[in-house]
Amino acid sequence: MNTQIPQFYNNKDLIYDEIWNLLSRGVVDRGEDFRLPTVILNDGKLSDGRVVVLRGAFKDINTIRFHTDYRSDKIRILKNNNNIYFVFYNKKRKIQVRVKGTAIINYKNDITQKAWEKTQIISRKCYLATNPPGTASGSPTSGLSNELEGKNPKIDSTEIGYNNFCVIDTKISEFEWLYLASQGHRRAKISLVSENKFTSEWVTP
């Protein structure tokens, strides 16, 4: 566990900025643990979790972003219940952040178009599968055609994948922060009131 006391250890007002620093790093740094959060959804009956890639962190509008296939089960669940939860954990820093918010499904709009234009070929291939994610198969499959298996197509050949591309934005309402330290853990809850305005309180770890 951590032995050095960081500035935010006894100052909850600094925790907010530290969270956004880790989220922003997760978007651009493949080695940052916050790049791969667990997302938890609930369709009203069962909870369902999976790991996604963090694609955007927008502090000015309290929003984080990931991409998904519009045909995936995630979309069905979110259309039924757009409450969404994220769990982030940085192993080296011993920091866990739980995020509560509401999801916005972006499909074939300005947001998805701009995101698609920035998406690399290797990622675009994920949206070229013939069948929707989760479709049962009688044999091991990537979902891609034989022509695409193990190959990177030309950029023009991937444009059809845009029909399956979706951007999920989450408007954050609450952070719950946990810091593990040998001298004593720290936990805080941060409620986001509006853009760049928040309230915070200490919570027993």
Protein backbone atom coordinates (compact mmCIF):
# COMPACT_ATOMS: atom_id res chain seq x y z
CA MET A 1 0.00 0.00 0.00
CA ASN A 2 0.97 3.66 -0.28
CA THR A 3 3.34 4.99 2.37
CA GLN A 4 3.69 8.57 1.13
CA ILE A 5 0.83 10.91 1.93
CA PRO A 6 -0.43 12.79 -1.17
CA GLN A 7 -1.88 16.28 -0.95
CA PHE A 8 -5.43 15.04 -1.41
CA TYR A 9 -5.17 12.65 1.57
CA ASN A 10 -6.85 15.06 3.99
CA ASN A 11 -8.20 17.59 1.50
CA LYS A 12 -11.33 16.38 -0.27
CA ASP A 13 -11.47 19.47 -2.48
CA LEU A 14 -8.36 18.23 -4.29
CA ILE A 15 -9.86 14.82 -5.00
CA TYR A 16 -12.17 16.14 -7.73
CA ASP A 17 -9.26 17.40 -9.84
CA GLU A 18 -7.28 14.20 -9.23
CA ILE A 19 -10.18 12.09 -10.52
CA TRP A 20 -10.42 14.10 -13.73
CA ASN A 21 -6.64 13.93 -14.13
CA LEU A 22 -6.81 10.11 -14.06
CA LEU A 23 -9.79 10.03 -16.41
CA SER A 24 -8.07 12.32 -18.90
CA ARG A 25 -4.94 10.17 -18.79
CA GLY A 26 -7.06 7.09 -19.39
CA VAL A 27 -8.25 8.50 -22.72
CA VAL A 28 -4.77 9.04 -24.16
CA ASP A 29 -2.47 6.68 -22.23
CA ARG A 30 -2.81 2.97 -23.06
CA GLY A 31 -0.84 2.14 -19.92
CA GLU A 32 -3.21 3.96 -17.58
CA ASP A 33 -5.49 1.61 -15.64
CA PHE A 34 -8.38 4.07 -15.90
CA ARG A 35 -8.45 3.40 -19.65
CA LEU A 36 -10.37 0.15 -19.08
CA PRO A 37 -13.24 0.65 -16.64
CA THR A 38 -15.92 -1.87 -15.80
CA VAL A 39 -19.39 -0.70 -16.83
CA ILE A 40 -22.46 -1.97 -14.99
CA LEU A 41 -25.95 -1.80 -16.49
CA ASN A 42 -29.32 -3.05 -15.27
CA ASP A 43 -32.34 -3.93 -17.39
CA GLY A 44 -34.68 -3.85 -14.41
CA LYS A 45 -34.19 -7.54 -13.63
CA LEU A 46 -30.51 -8.36 -13.76
CA SER A 47 -27.27 -6.41 -13.56
CA ASP A 48 -24.79 -6.84 -16.40
CA GLY A 49 -21.13 -5.80 -16.43
CA ARG A 50 -18.34 -5.55 -18.97
CA VAL A 51 -15.06 -3.75 -19.60
CA VAL A 52 -14.99 -0.89 -22.11
CA VAL A 53 -12.35 1.48 -23.45
CA LEU A 54 -12.58 5.05 -22.18
CA ARG A 55 -12.74 7.28 -25.26
CA GLY A 56 -13.49 10.69 -23.81
CA ALA A 57 -13.37 12.63 -20.53
CA PHE A 58 -14.90 16.10 -20.62
CA LYS A 59 -14.52 17.87 -17.30
CA ASP A 60 -16.28 21.03 -18.49
CA ILE A 61 -19.55 19.14 -19.06
CA ASN A 62 -19.15 16.33 -16.49
CA THR A 63 -19.18 13.66 -19.20
CA ILE A 64 -17.23 10.51 -20.03
CA ARG A 65 -17.50 8.47 -23.24
CA PHE A 66 -17.06 5.03 -24.74
CA HIS A 67 -17.87 3.46 -28.12
CA THR A 68 -19.95 0.37 -28.79
CA ASP A 69 -21.81 -1.55 -31.48
CA TYR A 70 -25.36 -0.27 -31.87
CA ARG A 71 -26.53 -3.87 -32.27
CA SER A 72 -25.09 -4.93 -28.91
CA ASP A 73 -27.15 -5.87 -25.87
CA LYS A 74 -25.86 -2.75 -24.11
CA ILE A 75 -28.08 -0.60 -26.29
CA ARG A 76 -31.20 -2.61 -25.53
CA ILE A 77 -30.51 -2.33 -21.81
CA LEU A 78 -29.74 1.40 -21.90
CA LYS A 79 -32.91 2.12 -23.86
CA ASN A 80 -34.82 0.45 -21.06
CA ASN A 81 -32.79 1.95 -18.21
CA ASN A 82 -30.19 4.63 -18.86
CA ASN A 83 -28.77 4.57 -15.34
CA ILE A 84 -25.13 3.55 -15.70
CA TYR A 85 -22.23 2.85 -13.35
CA PHE A 86 -18.47 2.67 -13.89
CA VAL A 87 -15.76 1.20 -11.68
CA PHE A 88 -12.20 2.44 -12.25
CA TYR A 89 -9.13 1.18 -10.39
CA ASN A 90 -5.51 2.25 -10.60
CA LYS A 91 -3.43 -0.57 -9.12
CA LYS A 92 -0.23 1.43 -8.67
CA ARG A 93 -1.91 4.40 -7.00
CA LYS A 94 -4.38 2.23 -5.06
CA ILE A 95 -7.24 4.45 -6.16
CA GLN A 96 -10.74 3.23 -6.92
CA VAL A 97 -13.38 5.53 -8.38
CA ARG A 98 -17.01 4.58 -8.82
CA VAL A 99 -19.01 6.74 -11.18
CA LYS A 100 -22.78 7.12 -11.27
CA GLY A 101 -24.57 8.79 -14.15
CA THR A 102 -27.11 8.67 -16.96
CA ALA A 103 -26.25 7.44 -20.44
CA ILE A 104 -26.98 9.19 -23.72
CA ILE A 105 -27.01 7.05 -26.86
CA ASN A 106 -25.50 8.83 -29.87
CA TYR A 107 -26.24 7.18 -33.20
CA LYS A 108 -25.73 8.66 -36.65
CA ASN A 109 -25.38 12.22 -35.41
CA ASP A 110 -22.62 14.84 -35.33
CA ILE A 111 -21.00 13.23 -32.30
CA THR A 112 -20.75 9.79 -33.88
CA GLN A 113 -19.60 11.20 -37.21
CA LYS A 114 -16.72 13.11 -35.63
CA ALA A 115 -15.77 10.13 -33.46
CA TRP A 116 -15.89 7.76 -36.44
CA GLU A 117 -13.58 9.97 -38.47
CA LYS A 118 -10.98 9.71 -35.69
CA THR A 119 -11.39 5.95 -35.26
CA GLN A 120 -8.46 3.90 -36.56
CA ILE A 121 -8.89 1.02 -38.99
CA ILE A 122 -8.07 -1.63 -36.40
CA SER A 123 -10.97 -0.34 -34.27
CA ARG A 124 -13.30 0.17 -37.21
CA LYS A 125 -12.98 -3.54 -38.01
CA CYS A 126 -14.94 -4.32 -34.85
CA TYR A 127 -18.03 -2.82 -36.48
CA LEU A 128 -17.75 -4.85 -39.68
CA ALA A 129 -18.99 -8.11 -38.16
CA THR A 130 -21.90 -9.59 -40.09
CA ASN A 131 -23.83 -10.68 -37.01
CA PRO A 132 -24.53 -8.62 -33.89
CA PRO A 133 -22.26 -9.10 -30.87
CA GLY A 134 -23.41 -12.02 -28.75
CA THR A 135 -24.84 -14.02 -31.66
CA ALA A 136 -24.48 -17.77 -31.05
CA SER A 137 -22.05 -19.60 -33.35
CA GLY A 138 -21.39 -23.26 -34.00
CA SER A 139 -17.66 -22.65 -34.27
CA PRO A 140 -15.04 -20.15 -33.03
CA THR A 141 -15.46 -16.86 -34.84
CA SER A 142 -14.37 -13.25 -34.83
CA GLY A 143 -17.58 -12.34 -36.61
CA LEU A 144 -15.59 -11.04 -39.57
CA SER A 145 -15.73 -12.36 -43.12
CA ASN A 146 -12.89 -14.49 -44.50
CA GLU A 147 -11.75 -11.50 -46.56
CA LEU A 148 -11.21 -9.46 -43.38
CA GLU A 149 -9.90 -12.15 -41.06
CA GLY A 150 -6.37 -11.25 -39.99
CA LYS A 151 -6.18 -8.32 -42.38
CA ASN A 152 -6.60 -4.58 -42.23
CA PRO A 153 -8.90 -3.32 -45.00
CA LYS A 154 -8.51 0.00 -46.75
CA ILE A 155 -10.16 2.89 -44.96
CA ASP A 156 -12.87 3.24 -47.62
CA SER A 157 -13.88 -0.38 -47.11
CA THR A 158 -14.64 0.28 -43.44
CA GLU A 159 -17.20 3.04 -43.98
CA ILE A 160 -20.07 0.55 -43.92
CA GLY A 161 -19.19 -0.11 -40.29
CA TYR A 162 -20.50 3.34 -39.41
CA ASN A 163 -24.01 1.88 -39.57
CA ASN A 164 -23.15 -0.18 -36.49
CA PHE A 165 -21.12 2.47 -34.66
CA CYS A 166 -22.44 4.13 -31.54
CA VAL A 167 -21.10 6.57 -28.95
CA ILE A 168 -22.29 6.40 -25.36
CA ASP A 169 -21.92 9.62 -23.38
CA THR A 170 -22.48 9.50 -19.64
CA LYS A 171 -23.54 12.59 -17.74
CA ILE A 172 -21.95 12.10 -14.34
CA SER A 173 -23.96 12.79 -11.20
CA GLU A 174 -21.65 11.31 -8.59
CA PHE A 175 -18.10 10.14 -7.91
CA GLU A 176 -17.20 7.85 -5.04
CA TRP A 177 -13.49 7.82 -4.35
CA LEU A 178 -11.50 5.26 -2.34
CA TYR A 179 -7.80 5.60 -1.60
CA LEU A 180 -5.98 2.68 0.02
CA ALA A 181 -3.07 3.61 2.29
CA SER A 182 -1.17 1.86 5.08
CA GLN A 183 -1.61 4.86 7.36
CA GLY A 184 -5.38 4.67 6.91
CA HIS A 185 -7.73 4.55 3.95
CA ARG A 186 -9.67 7.56 2.74
CA ARG A 187 -13.07 7.62 1.06
CA ALA A 188 -15.12 10.52 -0.22
CA LYS A 189 -18.35 11.08 -2.10
CA ILE A 190 -18.58 13.91 -4.63
CA SER A 191 -21.93 15.06 -6.00
CA LEU A 192 -21.76 17.00 -9.26
CA VAL A 193 -24.26 19.85 -9.03
CA SER A 194 -23.54 21.45 -12.41
CA GLU A 195 -20.59 22.11 -14.71
CA ASN A 196 -17.50 22.64 -12.50
CA LYS A 197 -19.64 22.82 -9.36
CA PHE A 198 -19.71 20.03 -6.83
CA THR A 199 -20.21 19.18 -3.19
CA SER A 200 -18.13 16.61 -1.33
CA GLU A 201 -18.11 14.77 1.97
CA TRP A 202 -15.90 12.26 3.70
CA VAL A 203 -17.22 8.73 4.03
CA THR A 204 -15.94 5.93 6.27
CA PRO A 205 -13.90 3.51 4.08
